[in-house]
Amino acid sequence: MKIFFKSFCCVAVLFFANKNFAQATEKKDTVIQLYGVVMTADSLQAVPGVSVLVVGKGRGTITNASGVFSIAVLKGDKINFVSVGYKEKTIAIPANLDGDEYSLIQLLVSDTTYLPATIIKPKPSREQFERDFANVRTDDDAYEIARQNTEESKMRAIMATLPADGREAVNFQFKQQAVKYYYAGQIPPQNIFNPLAWADFIKSWKRGDFKRKK
C-alpha cells in the first residue's frame, strides 16, 4: 500500500511539473517584440509622441521624435494608436505568428476638428472702451505678490496675529534661560536707564504699536 501511495505521489508531481513547464513554455512562446514607425498617411512624415497602448493591459509606450516605438506584447493582443490631431487606430497582432518579432509601419489619418465660430465685436464707442480698459482688473504678477507679502505693515499684522511655532517657542525659551544664566548672582540691568530702549519705545509709540486694537 505504501509503495502504491509513493508511486502515485511521484506520478502526480511529474504530471503537474510537466503541465506547468508546458504552460510556461507556451506563455514564453507567445511573447513577441513589437516595433515599428508611425507616419502620416498623406505625406509619410514621422509622428512623434503617439501613445501606443495594449488594449485591456494598462501598459504601453510612446513614439520618439522619429516616430519609432518598441514594446513587448503577446500574440493576439490589440494595439491602439492615439495621437492628438489624428484618428484613432487599432490593430491586432496575429495569433499564429511565427517567430518572436513583429514589425509594422502604421499610418495615421489626420482628424479635423471644427470649433464653433467666434464673433469679435468692438465697443460701441471710444469712451466706453477707455472706461472699461481703465477699470479692468488683472491678476497680480509674482513680483507684485512678493512686494505685498514683504510690506512692513502686513508683516507686523502677521506677527501680531500668527502664533509662534515650535521652533520659535524653543528659541525664545533658550534666550530667556541664557539671559538668566548670564546675570546669575548679580542684579540685571534696568532698561529704564537704557537710552537704546527709550529710542525703541519712542519709535514704537510713533508707529502706533500701543494703540488699542479693536
Protein backbone atom coordinates (compact mmCIF):
# COMPACT_ATOMS: atom_id res chain seq x y z
CA MET A 1 0.00 0.00 0.00
CA LYS A 2 2.84 2.37 0.87
CA ILE A 3 4.62 1.58 -2.39
CA PHE A 4 1.44 2.34 -4.34
CA PHE A 5 0.95 5.63 -2.48
CA LYS A 6 4.55 6.71 -3.14
CA SER A 7 4.23 5.81 -6.81
CA PHE A 8 1.00 7.77 -7.07
CA CYS A 9 2.63 10.86 -5.46
CA CYS A 10 5.60 10.66 -7.84
CA VAL A 11 3.33 10.39 -10.88
CA ALA A 12 1.23 13.35 -9.66
CA VAL A 13 4.32 15.53 -9.08
CA LEU A 14 5.72 14.70 -12.50
CA PHE A 15 2.32 15.40 -14.12
CA PHE A 16 1.91 18.85 -12.56
CA ALA A 17 5.57 19.71 -13.20
CA ASN A 18 5.21 18.84 -16.88
CA LYS A 19 1.96 20.79 -17.07
CA ASN A 20 3.48 23.90 -15.50
CA PHE A 21 6.53 23.62 -17.73
CA ALA A 22 4.33 23.33 -20.79
CA GLN A 23 2.27 26.36 -19.73
CA ALA A 24 5.43 28.39 -19.08
CA THR A 25 6.88 27.34 -22.42
CA GLU A 26 3.62 28.17 -24.19
CA LYS A 27 3.42 31.57 -22.50
CA LYS A 28 7.04 32.25 -23.34
CA ASP A 29 6.40 31.42 -26.97
CA THR A 30 3.50 33.90 -27.14
CA VAL A 31 5.64 36.91 -26.11
CA ILE A 32 6.93 38.88 -29.09
CA GLN A 33 8.77 42.17 -29.56
CA LEU A 34 6.65 44.65 -31.50
CA TYR A 35 8.49 47.54 -33.11
CA GLY A 36 7.70 49.91 -35.93
CA VAL A 37 7.24 53.50 -37.02
CA VAL A 38 4.14 55.72 -37.07
CA MET A 39 3.76 58.06 -40.05
CA THR A 40 1.14 60.32 -41.59
CA ALA A 41 -0.98 58.77 -44.32
CA ASP A 42 -0.86 61.75 -46.68
CA SER A 43 2.80 62.85 -46.54
CA LEU A 44 4.60 59.92 -44.84
CA GLN A 45 6.01 62.19 -42.13
CA ALA A 46 7.01 60.74 -38.75
CA VAL A 47 4.51 61.37 -35.96
CA PRO A 48 6.23 61.83 -32.57
CA GLY A 49 4.51 61.41 -29.20
CA VAL A 50 1.94 58.83 -30.35
CA SER A 51 0.55 56.72 -27.49
CA VAL A 52 0.93 53.01 -28.31
CA LEU A 53 -1.35 51.19 -25.85
CA VAL A 54 -2.04 47.50 -25.32
CA VAL A 55 -5.83 47.25 -25.07
CA GLY A 56 -7.01 45.89 -21.73
CA LYS A 57 -3.50 45.52 -20.29
CA GLY A 58 -2.95 49.01 -18.85
CA ARG A 59 0.51 49.48 -20.34
CA GLY A 60 2.07 50.98 -23.43
CA THR A 61 4.72 53.30 -24.79
CA ILE A 62 5.11 56.41 -26.96
CA THR A 63 6.91 57.08 -30.20
CA ASN A 64 10.14 59.07 -30.20
CA ALA A 65 10.96 62.12 -32.31
CA SER A 66 11.35 59.91 -35.39
CA GLY A 67 8.02 58.12 -34.81
CA VAL A 68 9.73 54.86 -33.83
CA PHE A 69 8.43 52.67 -30.98
CA SER A 70 9.16 49.26 -29.45
CA ILE A 71 7.17 47.25 -26.89
CA ALA A 72 6.81 43.65 -25.73
CA VAL A 73 3.32 42.21 -26.40
CA LEU A 74 1.55 38.86 -26.64
CA LYS A 75 0.26 37.16 -29.74
CA GLY A 76 -3.37 38.12 -30.27
CA ASP A 77 -3.12 41.44 -28.37
CA LYS A 78 -4.83 44.51 -29.73
CA ILE A 79 -2.69 47.65 -30.08
CA ASN A 80 -4.25 51.10 -30.00
CA PHE A 81 -2.56 54.16 -31.57
CA VAL A 82 -3.74 57.50 -30.18
CA SER A 83 -2.45 60.98 -31.04
CA VAL A 84 -3.97 64.46 -30.92
CA GLY A 85 -4.97 65.61 -34.40
CA TYR A 86 -5.19 62.09 -35.85
CA LYS A 87 -7.89 59.47 -35.98
CA GLU A 88 -7.53 56.63 -33.50
CA LYS A 89 -6.32 53.33 -34.97
CA THR A 90 -6.47 49.80 -33.50
CA ILE A 91 -4.72 46.73 -34.90
CA ALA A 92 -4.48 43.09 -33.79
CA ILE A 93 -1.29 41.06 -33.52
CA PRO A 94 -1.69 37.75 -35.44
CA ALA A 95 -2.21 34.85 -33.05
CA ASN A 96 -0.48 32.36 -35.37
CA LEU A 97 2.60 34.50 -35.88
CA ASP A 98 5.88 32.63 -36.40
CA GLY A 99 8.91 33.90 -34.51
CA ASP A 100 9.27 36.35 -31.63
CA GLU A 101 9.39 39.63 -33.58
CA TYR A 102 6.81 41.67 -35.47
CA SER A 103 7.40 44.97 -37.27
CA LEU A 104 4.97 47.33 -38.96
CA ILE A 105 4.55 50.80 -40.44
CA GLN A 106 1.39 52.35 -39.04
CA LEU A 107 -0.21 55.22 -40.96
CA LEU A 108 -2.47 57.72 -39.20
CA VAL A 109 -5.10 59.85 -40.92
CA SER A 110 -5.48 63.48 -39.92
CA ASP A 111 -8.59 64.24 -37.92
CA THR A 112 -10.15 67.67 -38.47
CA THR A 113 -11.98 69.23 -35.53
CA TYR A 114 -14.44 72.01 -36.25
CA LEU A 115 -14.84 74.58 -33.49
CA PRO A 116 -17.83 76.90 -33.16
CA ALA A 117 -17.44 80.30 -34.75
CA THR A 118 -16.29 83.17 -32.54
CA ILE A 119 -17.57 86.66 -33.38
CA ILE A 120 -15.49 89.57 -32.06
CA LYS A 121 -17.42 92.82 -31.75
CA PRO A 122 -15.88 96.21 -30.99
CA LYS A 123 -17.02 98.51 -28.21
CA PRO A 124 -19.88 100.86 -29.14
CA SER A 125 -17.76 103.96 -28.53
CA ARG A 126 -14.20 105.02 -27.76
CA GLU A 127 -15.25 106.46 -24.39
CA GLN A 128 -16.72 103.13 -23.28
CA PHE A 129 -13.58 101.28 -24.40
CA GLU A 130 -11.34 103.69 -22.43
CA ARG A 131 -13.54 103.33 -19.34
CA ASP A 132 -13.57 99.52 -19.49
CA PHE A 133 -9.84 99.35 -20.25
CA ALA A 134 -9.02 101.58 -17.27
CA ASN A 135 -11.31 99.69 -14.87
CA VAL A 136 -10.43 96.16 -15.88
CA ARG A 137 -8.87 94.14 -13.07
CA THR A 138 -5.86 91.95 -13.78
CA ASP A 139 -4.28 89.38 -11.53
CA ASP A 140 -1.13 90.41 -9.69
CA ASP A 141 2.09 89.00 -11.07
CA ALA A 142 4.74 87.24 -8.97
CA TYR A 143 6.66 90.49 -8.35
CA GLU A 144 3.59 92.33 -7.05
CA ILE A 145 2.61 89.41 -4.81
CA ALA A 146 6.14 89.29 -3.35
CA ARG A 147 6.09 93.06 -2.77
CA GLN A 148 2.78 92.86 -0.93
CA ASN A 149 3.96 89.94 1.20
CA THR A 150 7.06 91.88 2.32
CA GLU A 151 5.30 95.12 3.29
CA GLU A 152 6.15 96.21 6.82
CA SER A 153 2.52 96.75 7.82
CA LYS A 154 1.47 93.32 6.59
CA MET A 155 4.39 91.58 8.28
CA ARG A 156 3.63 93.45 11.52
CA ALA A 157 0.00 92.30 11.35
CA ILE A 158 1.09 88.72 10.74
CA MET A 159 3.48 88.84 13.70
CA ALA A 160 0.68 90.17 15.94
CA THR A 161 -1.88 87.54 14.95
CA LEU A 162 0.09 84.47 13.93
CA PRO A 163 1.05 82.25 16.88
CA ALA A 164 4.64 81.13 17.26
CA ASP A 165 5.55 77.69 16.04
CA GLY A 166 7.56 75.11 17.97
CA ARG A 167 10.96 76.31 16.81
CA GLU A 168 10.25 79.93 17.69
CA ALA A 169 8.92 78.96 21.13
CA VAL A 170 12.01 76.84 21.85
CA ASN A 171 14.39 79.60 20.68
CA PHE A 172 12.61 82.14 22.89
CA GLN A 173 12.87 79.81 25.86
CA PHE A 174 16.60 79.26 25.25
CA LYS A 175 17.18 83.03 25.04
CA GLN A 176 15.37 83.57 28.33
CA GLN A 177 17.48 80.90 30.01
CA ALA A 178 20.68 82.35 28.53
CA VAL A 179 19.86 85.80 29.93
CA LYS A 180 19.04 84.29 33.32
CA TYR A 181 22.32 82.36 33.48
CA TYR A 182 24.31 85.38 32.24
CA TYR A 183 23.14 87.56 35.14
CA ALA A 184 23.18 84.79 37.74
CA GLY A 185 24.42 86.11 41.10
CA GLN A 186 24.00 89.81 40.17
CA ILE A 187 21.30 92.34 39.56
CA PRO A 188 20.24 92.53 35.89
CA PRO A 189 20.37 95.96 34.28
CA GLN A 190 17.23 98.09 34.27
CA ASN A 191 16.07 99.15 30.79
CA ILE A 192 14.57 102.31 32.25
CA PHE A 193 18.06 103.78 32.22
CA ASN A 194 18.93 102.39 28.78
CA PRO A 195 18.86 105.09 26.05
CA LEU A 196 18.58 102.49 23.30
CA ALA A 197 15.47 101.05 24.94
CA TRP A 198 14.00 104.56 25.17
CA ALA A 199 14.71 105.08 21.46
CA ASP A 200 12.91 101.85 20.58
CA PHE A 201 10.00 102.85 22.79
CA ILE A 202 9.64 106.25 21.06
CA LYS A 203 9.74 104.62 17.61
CA SER A 204 7.07 102.10 18.64
CA TRP A 205 4.92 104.89 20.07
CA LYS A 206 5.17 106.89 16.84
CA ARG A 207 4.26 103.84 14.76
CA GLY A 208 1.16 103.31 16.85
CA ASP A 209 2.10 99.93 18.29
CA PHE A 210 0.47 100.83 21.63
CA LYS A 211 -2.89 101.85 20.22
CA ARG A 212 -5.84 99.88 21.40
CA LYS A 213 -6.76 97.29 18.83
CA LYS A 214 -10.43 96.68 18.15
